[in-house]
């Protein structure tokens, strides 16, 4: 990945898992911020609505929880989307075996 952002890397990994294992939706076991970030990257308005968030509210919530928020949040999302779209096949296959969906973390 071209940036040094642990949260972005985690969101990318969770996006891969969501696409491979959960019909492109975040896991309800993840924290609220993780679910919202993944839903924003994947443009999952259905999941946002189920959580009672608009995209704008979700972006504000994610930004508010970041230790070092990016100056341009839309560019941050685009960077993750680009990385997600350009992953090699081997990385996508690894996502099939990831247990992120069973992870229980606080939100």
C-alpha atoms as a PDB file:
ATOM      1  CA  UNK A   1       0.000   0.000   0.000  1.00  0.00           C
ATOM      2  CA  UNK A   2       1.302   3.445  -0.868  1.00  0.00           C
ATOM      3  CA  UNK A   3       0.499   5.107   2.445  1.00  0.00           C
ATOM      4  CA  UNK A   4       1.607   4.560   6.009  1.00  0.00           C
ATOM      5  CA  UNK A   5      -1.795   4.341   7.663  1.00  0.00           C
ATOM      6  CA  UNK A   6      -2.561   1.329   9.855  1.00  0.00           C
ATOM      7  CA  UNK A   7      -6.274   2.088   9.927  1.00  0.00           C
ATOM      8  CA  UNK A   8      -6.449   2.299   6.127  1.00  0.00           C
ATOM      9  CA  UNK A   9      -4.643  -1.027   5.869  1.00  0.00           C
ATOM     10  CA  UNK A  10      -7.086  -2.563   8.355  1.00  0.00           C
ATOM     11  CA  UNK A  11     -10.074  -1.126   6.471  1.00  0.00           C
ATOM     12  CA  UNK A  12      -8.675  -2.528   3.206  1.00  0.00           C
ATOM     13  CA  UNK A  13      -8.299  -5.972   4.802  1.00  0.00           C
ATOM     14  CA  UNK A  14     -11.856  -5.790   6.134  1.00  0.00           C
ATOM     15  CA  UNK A  15     -13.164  -4.701   2.703  1.00  0.00           C
ATOM     16  CA  UNK A  16     -11.520  -7.742   1.145  1.00  0.00           C
ATOM     17  CA  UNK A  17     -13.133  -9.941   3.770  1.00  0.00           C
ATOM     18  CA  UNK A  18     -16.559  -8.337   3.244  1.00  0.00           C
ATOM     19  CA  UNK A  19     -16.368  -8.857  -0.500  1.00  0.00           C
ATOM     20  CA  UNK A  20     -15.174 -12.446  -0.213  1.00  0.00           C
ATOM     21  CA  UNK A  21     -17.328 -13.621   2.676  1.00  0.00           C
ATOM     22  CA  UNK A  22     -20.306 -11.370   3.389  1.00  0.00           C
ATOM     23  CA  UNK A  23     -21.824 -10.235   0.079  1.00  0.00           C
ATOM     24  CA  UNK A  24     -19.865  -6.979   0.254  1.00  0.00           C
ATOM     25  CA  UNK A  25     -21.210  -5.947   3.657  1.00  0.00           C
ATOM     26  CA  UNK A  26     -19.246  -5.244   6.843  1.00  0.00           C
ATOM     27  CA  UNK A  27     -19.532  -7.712   9.707  1.00  0.00           C
ATOM     28  CA  UNK A  28     -21.842  -6.686  12.523  1.00  0.00           C
ATOM     29  CA  UNK A  29     -19.192  -8.021  14.941  1.00  0.00           C
ATOM     30  CA  UNK A  30     -16.832  -5.165  14.054  1.00  0.00           C
ATOM     31  CA  UNK A  31     -16.747  -1.843  15.869  1.00  0.00           C
ATOM     32  CA  UNK A  32     -19.076   0.890  14.676  1.00  0.00           C
ATOM     33  CA  UNK A  33     -16.153   2.854  13.199  1.00  0.00           C
ATOM     34  CA  UNK A  34     -14.840  -0.188  11.336  1.00  0.00           C
ATOM     35  CA  UNK A  35     -18.285  -0.996   9.934  1.00  0.00           C
ATOM     36  CA  UNK A  36     -18.839   2.592   8.835  1.00  0.00           C
ATOM     37  CA  UNK A  37     -15.403   2.912   7.229  1.00  0.00           C
ATOM     38  CA  UNK A  38     -15.840  -0.326   5.284  1.00  0.00           C
ATOM     39  CA  UNK A  39     -19.368   0.623   4.241  1.00  0.00           C
ATOM     40  CA  UNK A  40     -18.101   3.986   2.990  1.00  0.00           C
ATOM     41  CA  UNK A  41     -15.259   2.426   1.005  1.00  0.00           C
ATOM     42  CA  UNK A  42     -17.611  -0.156  -0.518  1.00  0.00           C
ATOM     43  CA  UNK A  43     -20.375   2.437  -1.028  1.00  0.00           C
ATOM     44  CA  UNK A  44     -22.707   0.203   0.960  1.00  0.00           C
ATOM     45  CA  UNK A  45     -25.665   2.528   1.566  1.00  0.00           C
ATOM     46  CA  UNK A  46     -27.779  -0.441   2.656  1.00  0.00           C
ATOM     47  CA  UNK A  47     -25.462  -1.149   5.597  1.00  0.00           C
ATOM     48  CA  UNK A  48     -25.219   2.538   6.477  1.00  0.00           C
ATOM     49  CA  UNK A  49     -29.010   2.824   6.490  1.00  0.00           C
ATOM     50  CA  UNK A  50     -29.314  -0.298   8.660  1.00  0.00           C
ATOM     51  CA  UNK A  51     -26.984   1.418  11.145  1.00  0.00           C
ATOM     52  CA  UNK A  52     -29.086   4.609  10.838  1.00  0.00           C
ATOM     53  CA  UNK A  53     -26.269   6.686   9.307  1.00  0.00           C
ATOM     54  CA  UNK A  54     -26.172   8.818   6.191  1.00  0.00           C
ATOM     55  CA  UNK A  55     -22.875   8.790   4.279  1.00  0.00           C
ATOM     56  CA  UNK A  56     -22.100  12.262   5.646  1.00  0.00           C
ATOM     57  CA  UNK A  57     -22.794  11.216   9.234  1.00  0.00           C
ATOM     58  CA  UNK A  58     -20.737   8.062   8.752  1.00  0.00           C
ATOM     59  CA  UNK A  59     -17.791  10.057   7.401  1.00  0.00           C
ATOM     60  CA  UNK A  60     -17.992  12.433  10.368  1.00  0.00           C
ATOM     61  CA  UNK A  61     -18.089   9.496  12.810  1.00  0.00           C
ATOM     62  CA  UNK A  62     -15.100   7.781  11.167  1.00  0.00           C
ATOM     63  CA  UNK A  63     -13.091  11.006  11.016  1.00  0.00           C
ATOM     64  CA  UNK A  64     -13.910  11.736  14.648  1.00  0.00           C
ATOM     65  CA  UNK A  65     -12.483   8.389  15.698  1.00  0.00           C
ATOM     66  CA  UNK A  66      -9.218   8.672  13.780  1.00  0.00           C
ATOM     67  CA  UNK A  67      -6.003   9.520  15.639  1.00  0.00           C
ATOM     68  CA  UNK A  68      -4.487  11.201  12.602  1.00  0.00           C
ATOM     69  CA  UNK A  69      -7.349  12.041  10.218  1.00  0.00           C
ATOM     70  CA  UNK A  70      -6.464  12.721   6.602  1.00  0.00           C
ATOM     71  CA  UNK A  71      -6.746  16.256   5.261  1.00  0.00           C
ATOM     72  CA  UNK A  72      -8.905  14.930   2.403  1.00  0.00           C
ATOM     73  CA  UNK A  73     -11.203  12.128   3.559  1.00  0.00           C
ATOM     74  CA  UNK A  74     -12.579  11.513   0.058  1.00  0.00           C
ATOM     75  CA  UNK A  75      -9.044  11.013  -1.246  1.00  0.00           C
ATOM     76  CA  UNK A  76      -8.400   8.612   1.644  1.00  0.00           C
ATOM     77  CA  UNK A  77     -11.471   6.566   0.657  1.00  0.00           C
ATOM     78  CA  UNK A  78     -10.436   6.654  -2.996  1.00  0.00           C
ATOM     79  CA  UNK A  79      -6.959   5.413  -2.102  1.00  0.00           C
ATOM     80  CA  UNK A  80      -8.423   2.398  -0.337  1.00  0.00           C
ATOM     81  CA  UNK A  81     -10.832   1.751  -3.226  1.00  0.00           C
ATOM     82  CA  UNK A  82      -7.918   1.905  -5.680  1.00  0.00           C
ATOM     83  CA  UNK A  83      -5.867  -0.532  -3.604  1.00  0.00           C
ATOM     84  CA  UNK A  84      -8.887  -2.828  -3.342  1.00  0.00           C
ATOM     85  CA  UNK A  85      -9.421  -2.793  -7.111  1.00  0.00           C
ATOM     86  CA  UNK A  86      -5.770  -3.448  -7.922  1.00  0.00           C
ATOM     87  CA  UNK A  87      -5.098  -6.338  -5.539  1.00  0.00           C
ATOM     88  CA  UNK A  88      -3.404  -9.364  -7.039  1.00  0.00           C
ATOM     89  CA  UNK A  89      -5.489 -12.546  -7.217  1.00  0.00           C
ATOM     90  CA  UNK A  90      -3.423 -14.202  -4.479  1.00  0.00           C
ATOM     91  CA  UNK A  91      -4.344 -11.454  -2.022  1.00  0.00           C
ATOM     92  CA  UNK A  92      -8.022 -11.868  -2.878  1.00  0.00           C
ATOM     93  CA  UNK A  93      -7.784 -15.609  -2.263  1.00  0.00           C
ATOM     94  CA  UNK A  94      -6.293 -14.966   1.177  1.00  0.00           C
ATOM     95  CA  UNK A  95      -9.378 -12.961   2.082  1.00  0.00           C
ATOM     96  CA  UNK A  96     -11.486 -16.098   1.627  1.00  0.00           C
ATOM     97  CA  UNK A  97      -9.730 -17.672   4.594  1.00  0.00           C
ATOM     98  CA  UNK A  98      -9.721 -14.692   6.919  1.00  0.00           C
ATOM     99  CA  UNK A  99     -11.734 -14.988  10.149  1.00  0.00           C
ATOM    100  CA  UNK A 100     -12.553 -11.287  10.521  1.00  0.00           C
ATOM    101  CA  UNK A 101     -16.271 -11.980  10.529  1.00  0.00           C
ATOM    102  CA  UNK A 102     -15.997 -13.874  13.797  1.00  0.00           C
ATOM    103  CA  UNK A 103     -14.046 -11.111  15.473  1.00  0.00           C
ATOM    104  CA  UNK A 104     -15.942  -9.499  18.319  1.00  0.00           C
ATOM    105  CA  UNK A 105     -14.736  -6.000  19.071  1.00  0.00           C
ATOM    106  CA  UNK A 106     -16.398  -3.125  20.861  1.00  0.00           C
ATOM    107  CA  UNK A 107     -17.947  -0.269  18.947  1.00  0.00           C
END
